[in-house]
Amino acid sequence: MVTVSAAEEGNVGASGAAGAAGAEPTRGTGGRSGPAEPSLRRRAGSGAVAAFLRPGLILSVLVLLVVIGWALVPTWFTSVDPLTGVPAEKFTPPGAAHWFGTDETGRDLYARTVHGAGLSLQATVIAVAIAMFVGTTIGMVSGFVGGVVDDVLMRVVDVLLAIPGLLLSLMIVAALGFGTTKVAIAVGVAGIASFARVARGEVLRVRNAPYVEAAFASGVRWPGVLARHVLPNSAGPLVSLATLDFGTAILSVSALSFLGYGEMPPTPEWGVLISDGRNYLASAWWLTTLPGLVIVAVVLAFNRISRALSAWSGGER
């Protein structure tokens, strides 16, 4: 009897130890799973904040803020009349009196660059708005409806993509005529295809998501599903593309203005400034170099911000 009870006690002790050993990893795992999720979220949030506090991104934002300030309130940055020159000061190199120098009639080039930001950015905003609105609408309808509608719309988009953007813009503006608004329309039409492709891909990604099917099951019609559920969940890549397209649009608008399709001189516009100074490259390099560097800085700033938004939206998904 004593031997049996001892054996029973050993079995009970062994089973209890095994139970405790088996329960410990489960308890430890369960104990760690609770705080792990908030910790991971905190690390992801801190990583996103650190990504947006990088020096290159901060510099890009500052560049865009300055240029937007030029466009909205140019008199805060210069009090010089961009249309009035001093003949005695023509072809003055950059210096303390004239930061960007003067042109062939003695007009201050910095003042002309500052005041030219308004027209250049206005045309860029119109172009991107046209491309984003029309292209997103085409892409969403194509991806959501599918079938023959998808085939027809995507073949039209393929035709637009087959033509280089600047060449297509040049063809359109040649038919529309001269002026900043017509240049903006031409550049906007040339950018529709890219937005249509991206929007269609995003719609195909979320079209069969559970929340979309639940919306249909609750009786919501497809325009409402597109507006309330599909578009908000597809906005990240579209916003990133729009930011990138701002840089491309500035280059296209400036190129068409350089070719003479924008505003007529002496109206200050970035492409016009470079066009006016190309005849004086040997004697007055600053007439083309400095406005050109402003355009390059703005394009690079938009590209850098677009990369940050793309990385952020990819991480969110």
Protein backbone atom coordinates (compact mmCIF):
# COMPACT_ATOMS: atom_id res chain seq x y z
CA MET A 1 0.00 0.00 0.00
CA VAL A 2 2.80 2.31 0.81
CA THR A 3 4.54 1.53 -2.48
CA VAL A 4 1.38 2.10 -4.46
CA SER A 5 0.63 5.43 -2.81
CA ALA A 6 4.18 6.56 -3.41
CA ALA A 7 3.88 5.63 -7.04
CA GLU A 8 0.58 7.44 -7.25
CA GLU A 9 2.13 10.49 -5.63
CA GLY A 10 4.98 10.35 -8.14
CA ASN A 11 2.57 10.10 -11.04
CA VAL A 12 0.51 12.94 -9.71
CA GLY A 13 3.64 15.04 -9.20
CA ALA A 14 4.92 14.23 -12.67
CA SER A 15 1.60 15.01 -14.29
CA GLY A 16 1.36 18.25 -12.32
CA ALA A 17 4.87 19.23 -13.35
CA ALA A 18 4.11 18.35 -16.96
CA GLY A 19 0.91 20.36 -16.74
CA ALA A 20 2.78 23.28 -15.27
CA ALA A 21 5.49 22.98 -17.90
CA GLY A 22 2.90 22.74 -20.63
CA ALA A 23 0.89 25.62 -19.25
CA GLU A 24 3.87 27.91 -18.86
CA PRO A 25 4.61 28.49 -22.57
CA THR A 26 0.94 29.06 -23.19
CA ARG A 27 0.71 31.53 -20.36
CA GLY A 28 3.95 33.20 -21.44
CA THR A 29 2.85 33.36 -25.06
CA GLY A 30 -0.52 34.70 -24.11
CA GLY A 31 1.05 37.21 -21.80
CA ARG A 32 3.36 38.49 -24.48
CA SER A 33 0.78 38.68 -27.29
CA GLY A 34 -1.23 41.40 -25.59
CA PRO A 35 1.46 44.08 -25.23
CA ALA A 36 3.18 43.03 -28.47
CA GLU A 37 0.53 44.47 -30.75
CA PRO A 38 0.54 48.00 -29.26
CA SER A 39 4.33 47.82 -29.18
CA LEU A 40 4.44 46.96 -32.86
CA ARG A 41 2.00 49.75 -33.63
CA ARG A 42 4.11 52.20 -31.64
CA ARG A 43 7.24 51.13 -33.50
CA ALA A 44 5.45 51.44 -36.86
CA GLY A 45 4.17 54.88 -35.91
CA SER A 46 7.58 56.04 -34.75
CA GLY A 47 9.10 54.66 -37.96
CA ALA A 48 6.60 56.62 -40.05
CA VAL A 49 7.34 59.79 -38.08
CA ALA A 50 11.09 59.24 -38.50
CA ALA A 51 10.61 58.72 -42.24
CA PHE A 52 8.77 62.03 -42.53
CA LEU A 53 11.44 63.86 -40.52
CA ARG A 54 14.29 63.09 -42.87
CA PRO A 55 16.32 66.15 -43.90
CA GLY A 56 15.71 65.67 -47.62
CA LEU A 57 11.96 65.52 -47.15
CA ILE A 58 11.94 68.53 -44.83
CA LEU A 59 13.98 70.51 -47.36
CA SER A 60 11.57 69.52 -50.13
CA VAL A 61 8.59 70.71 -48.10
CA LEU A 62 10.33 74.01 -47.37
CA VAL A 63 11.08 74.53 -51.08
CA LEU A 64 7.44 73.98 -51.98
CA LEU A 65 6.24 76.27 -49.21
CA VAL A 66 8.49 79.06 -50.48
CA VAL A 67 7.34 78.59 -54.08
CA ILE A 68 3.68 78.48 -53.02
CA GLY A 69 4.30 81.70 -51.11
CA TRP A 70 5.76 83.21 -54.28
CA ALA A 71 2.62 82.26 -56.17
CA LEU A 72 0.11 83.47 -53.56
CA VAL A 73 1.75 86.62 -52.16
CA PRO A 74 4.72 87.60 -54.34
CA THR A 75 4.89 91.07 -52.79
CA TRP A 76 5.97 89.50 -49.49
CA PHE A 77 9.17 88.32 -51.15
CA THR A 78 9.99 91.23 -53.42
CA SER A 79 8.78 94.78 -53.86
CA VAL A 80 10.34 95.24 -57.31
CA ASP A 81 8.06 95.59 -60.33
CA PRO A 82 8.75 92.59 -62.61
CA LEU A 83 7.74 94.54 -65.75
CA THR A 84 9.74 97.72 -65.18
CA GLY A 85 13.46 97.79 -65.88
CA VAL A 86 16.33 100.20 -65.42
CA PRO A 87 18.28 100.36 -68.70
CA ALA A 88 21.41 101.53 -66.92
CA GLU A 89 21.45 98.28 -64.90
CA LYS A 90 20.93 95.82 -67.77
CA PHE A 91 22.88 92.54 -67.64
CA THR A 92 23.89 93.10 -64.05
CA PRO A 93 25.27 89.82 -62.61
CA PRO A 94 23.70 88.28 -59.49
CA GLY A 95 24.61 90.18 -56.34
CA ALA A 96 23.27 91.79 -53.20
CA ALA A 97 21.20 94.36 -55.13
CA HIS A 98 19.80 91.85 -57.62
CA TRP A 99 19.87 88.26 -56.31
CA PHE A 100 19.27 86.72 -59.74
CA GLY A 101 20.78 89.57 -61.75
CA THR A 102 18.98 91.63 -64.39
CA ASP A 103 17.98 90.98 -67.99
CA GLU A 104 18.54 92.85 -71.26
CA THR A 105 16.20 95.69 -70.25
CA GLY A 106 17.37 95.98 -66.64
CA ARG A 107 14.42 94.11 -65.10
CA ASP A 108 15.13 92.26 -61.87
CA LEU A 109 15.22 88.54 -62.66
CA TYR A 110 14.44 87.46 -59.09
CA ALA A 111 11.26 89.56 -59.10
CA ARG A 112 10.27 88.08 -62.45
CA THR A 113 10.90 84.56 -61.16
CA VAL A 114 8.84 85.19 -58.04
CA HIS A 115 5.92 86.68 -59.96
CA GLY A 116 6.19 83.99 -62.62
CA ALA A 117 5.52 81.28 -60.03
CA GLY A 118 1.84 82.24 -59.99
CA LEU A 119 1.18 81.48 -63.66
CA SER A 120 3.37 78.38 -63.71
CA LEU A 121 1.78 76.82 -60.62
CA GLN A 122 -1.71 77.82 -61.74
CA ALA A 123 -1.25 75.96 -65.01
CA THR A 124 0.23 73.00 -63.14
CA VAL A 125 -2.70 72.75 -60.72
CA ILE A 126 -5.23 72.91 -63.59
CA ALA A 127 -3.33 70.23 -65.51
CA VAL A 128 -3.07 67.83 -62.57
CA ALA A 129 -6.72 68.41 -61.61
CA ILE A 130 -7.89 67.55 -65.13
CA ALA A 131 -5.68 64.47 -65.35
CA MET A 132 -6.62 63.21 -61.89
CA PHE A 133 -10.38 63.76 -62.14
CA VAL A 134 -10.88 62.42 -65.67
CA GLY A 135 -8.31 59.64 -65.37
CA THR A 136 -9.58 58.43 -61.99
CA THR A 137 -13.17 58.42 -63.24
CA ILE A 138 -12.25 56.40 -66.33
CA GLY A 139 -10.15 53.95 -64.34
CA MET A 140 -12.77 53.40 -61.63
CA VAL A 141 -15.60 52.86 -64.08
CA SER A 142 -13.45 50.56 -66.20
CA GLY A 143 -12.26 48.42 -63.31
CA PHE A 144 -15.61 48.26 -61.53
CA VAL A 145 -17.90 47.61 -64.48
CA GLY A 146 -15.54 45.38 -66.48
CA GLY A 147 -16.55 43.57 -69.64
CA VAL A 148 -16.89 45.50 -72.88
CA VAL A 149 -16.71 48.85 -71.08
CA ASP A 150 -13.34 47.91 -69.61
CA ASP A 151 -12.02 46.75 -72.98
CA VAL A 152 -13.07 49.91 -74.82
CA LEU A 153 -11.83 52.36 -72.17
CA MET A 154 -8.49 50.60 -71.74
CA ARG A 155 -7.86 50.55 -75.49
CA VAL A 156 -8.35 54.33 -75.51
CA VAL A 157 -5.93 54.59 -72.59
CA ASP A 158 -3.42 52.41 -74.45
CA VAL A 159 -3.55 54.79 -77.41
CA LEU A 160 -2.84 57.74 -75.11
CA LEU A 161 0.03 55.88 -73.45
CA ALA A 162 1.55 55.06 -76.83
CA ILE A 163 2.10 58.76 -77.55
CA PRO A 164 4.83 60.58 -75.56
CA GLY A 165 3.26 63.00 -73.11
CA LEU A 166 5.04 66.14 -74.31
CA LEU A 167 4.30 65.34 -77.95
CA LEU A 168 0.62 64.76 -77.15
CA SER A 169 0.50 68.05 -75.24
CA LEU A 170 2.12 69.82 -78.17
CA MET A 171 -0.44 68.39 -80.58
CA ILE A 172 -3.35 69.46 -78.37
CA VAL A 173 -2.07 72.97 -77.66
CA ALA A 174 -1.38 73.48 -81.35
CA ALA A 175 -5.07 72.80 -81.98
CA LEU A 176 -6.33 74.86 -79.03
CA GLY A 177 -4.13 77.93 -79.49
CA PHE A 178 -1.90 80.02 -77.23
CA GLY A 179 -2.31 80.82 -73.55
CA THR A 180 -1.53 79.42 -70.12
CA THR A 181 -4.98 77.86 -69.63
CA LYS A 182 -4.82 76.06 -72.98
CA VAL A 183 -1.34 74.81 -72.15
CA ALA A 184 -2.70 73.48 -68.85
CA ILE A 185 -5.57 71.69 -70.61
CA ALA A 186 -3.16 70.11 -73.08
CA VAL A 187 -0.84 68.89 -70.32
CA GLY A 188 -3.80 67.61 -68.30
CA VAL A 189 -5.19 65.57 -71.19
CA ALA A 190 -1.76 64.02 -71.72
CA GLY A 191 -1.71 62.85 -68.09
CA ILE A 192 -5.13 61.16 -68.06
CA ALA A 193 -3.87 57.73 -69.09
CA SER A 194 -1.53 57.29 -66.11
CA PHE A 195 -4.26 58.04 -63.58
CA ALA A 196 -6.69 55.75 -65.41
CA ARG A 197 -4.27 52.82 -65.22
CA VAL A 198 -3.50 53.31 -61.53
CA ALA A 199 -7.16 53.83 -60.60
CA ARG A 200 -8.22 50.70 -62.48
CA GLY A 201 -5.57 48.62 -60.75
CA GLU A 202 -6.63 49.85 -57.33
CA VAL A 203 -10.31 49.19 -58.07
CA LEU A 204 -9.50 45.65 -59.16
CA ARG A 205 -7.60 45.19 -55.89
CA VAL A 206 -10.51 46.22 -53.62
CA ARG A 207 -13.48 45.29 -55.81
CA ASN A 208 -14.03 41.90 -54.15
CA ALA A 209 -13.19 43.01 -50.62
CA PRO A 210 -15.67 41.97 -47.88
CA TYR A 211 -16.74 45.54 -47.11
CA VAL A 212 -17.59 46.12 -50.80
CA GLU A 213 -19.68 42.95 -50.93
CA ALA A 214 -21.37 43.94 -47.67
CA ALA A 215 -22.26 47.32 -49.15
CA PHE A 216 -23.88 45.65 -52.15
CA ALA A 217 -25.71 43.24 -49.86
CA SER A 218 -27.12 46.16 -47.90
CA GLY A 219 -28.63 47.61 -51.07
CA VAL A 220 -26.12 50.38 -51.93
CA ARG A 221 -25.92 51.06 -55.67
CA TRP A 222 -22.59 50.86 -57.47
CA PRO A 223 -22.01 54.65 -57.74
CA GLY A 224 -22.41 54.87 -53.98
CA VAL A 225 -20.08 51.92 -53.45
CA LEU A 226 -17.48 53.57 -55.67
CA ALA A 227 -17.70 56.91 -53.88
CA ARG A 228 -17.98 55.65 -50.28
CA HIS A 229 -15.90 52.49 -50.22
CA VAL A 230 -13.73 51.94 -53.29
CA LEU A 231 -12.35 55.45 -53.83
CA PRO A 232 -11.31 56.13 -50.19
CA ASN A 233 -9.44 52.81 -50.06
CA SER A 234 -7.73 53.52 -53.39
CA ALA A 235 -6.72 57.10 -52.67
CA GLY A 236 -3.16 56.47 -51.44
CA PRO A 237 -1.51 55.54 -54.77
CA LEU A 238 -3.56 58.17 -56.59
CA VAL A 239 -2.40 60.95 -54.25
CA SER A 240 1.19 59.76 -54.64
CA LEU A 241 0.84 59.78 -58.43
CA ALA A 242 -0.73 63.24 -58.34
CA THR A 243 2.22 64.58 -56.35
CA LEU A 244 4.65 63.04 -58.83
CA ASP A 245 2.59 64.38 -61.72
CA PHE A 246 2.97 67.93 -60.36
CA GLY A 247 6.69 67.76 -61.18
CA THR A 248 6.04 66.33 -64.63
CA ALA A 249 3.37 68.95 -65.30
CA ILE A 250 5.70 71.80 -64.32
CA LEU A 251 8.28 70.53 -66.80
CA SER A 252 5.68 70.18 -69.56
CA VAL A 253 4.12 73.59 -68.90
CA SER A 254 7.55 75.25 -68.86
CA ALA A 255 8.56 73.42 -72.04
CA LEU A 256 5.45 74.54 -73.92
CA SER A 257 5.93 78.10 -72.65
CA PHE A 258 9.55 77.94 -73.77
CA LEU A 259 8.31 77.00 -77.26
CA GLY A 260 6.02 80.04 -77.27
CA TYR A 261 2.64 78.47 -76.54
CA GLY A 262 2.18 80.06 -73.11
CA GLU A 263 1.89 83.70 -72.15
CA MET A 264 3.46 86.26 -74.41
CA PRO A 265 6.40 88.39 -73.19
CA PRO A 266 6.89 90.44 -71.13
CA THR A 267 4.56 88.44 -68.85
CA PRO A 268 6.80 86.58 -66.40
CA GLU A 269 6.48 82.82 -66.62
CA TRP A 270 9.22 80.33 -65.91
CA GLY A 271 9.35 78.87 -69.41
CA VAL A 272 9.20 82.35 -70.94
CA LEU A 273 12.09 83.53 -68.74
CA ILE A 274 14.32 80.71 -69.97
CA SER A 275 13.25 81.35 -73.57
CA ASP A 276 14.07 85.06 -73.28
CA GLY A 277 17.53 84.36 -71.87
CA ARG A 278 18.65 81.67 -74.30
CA ASN A 279 20.02 84.31 -76.70
CA TYR A 280 22.40 85.60 -74.03
CA LEU A 281 23.93 82.38 -72.74
CA ALA A 282 27.48 83.48 -73.54
CA SER A 283 27.26 86.89 -71.88
CA ALA A 284 24.51 86.49 -69.25
CA TRP A 285 24.36 82.86 -68.10
CA TRP A 286 22.09 83.67 -65.14
CA LEU A 287 19.12 84.53 -67.36
CA THR A 288 18.52 80.84 -68.12
CA THR A 289 20.46 79.06 -65.38
CA LEU A 290 18.78 80.52 -62.31
CA PRO A 291 15.13 80.13 -63.44
CA GLY A 292 16.08 76.68 -64.66
CA LEU A 293 17.49 75.77 -61.24
CA VAL A 294 14.24 76.93 -59.62
CA ILE A 295 12.28 74.57 -61.88
CA VAL A 296 14.69 71.72 -61.11
CA ALA A 297 14.39 72.34 -57.36
CA VAL A 298 10.58 72.32 -57.49
CA VAL A 299 10.46 69.15 -59.60
CA LEU A 300 12.89 67.34 -57.29
CA ALA A 301 10.89 68.47 -54.26
CA PHE A 302 7.67 67.06 -55.69
CA ASN A 303 9.42 63.81 -56.58
CA ARG A 304 10.83 63.44 -53.07
CA ILE A 305 7.45 64.05 -51.44
CA SER A 306 5.83 61.61 -53.87
CA ARG A 307 8.30 58.91 -52.85
CA ALA A 308 7.51 59.50 -49.19
CA LEU A 309 3.76 59.31 -49.81
CA SER A 310 4.19 56.16 -51.89
CA ALA A 311 6.19 54.46 -49.14
CA TRP A 312 3.66 55.54 -46.52
CA SER A 313 0.63 54.33 -48.49
CA GLY A 314 2.41 51.04 -49.25
CA GLY A 315 3.14 50.55 -45.56
CA GLU A 316 -0.45 51.31 -44.63
CA ARG A 317 -1.69 48.63 -47.00
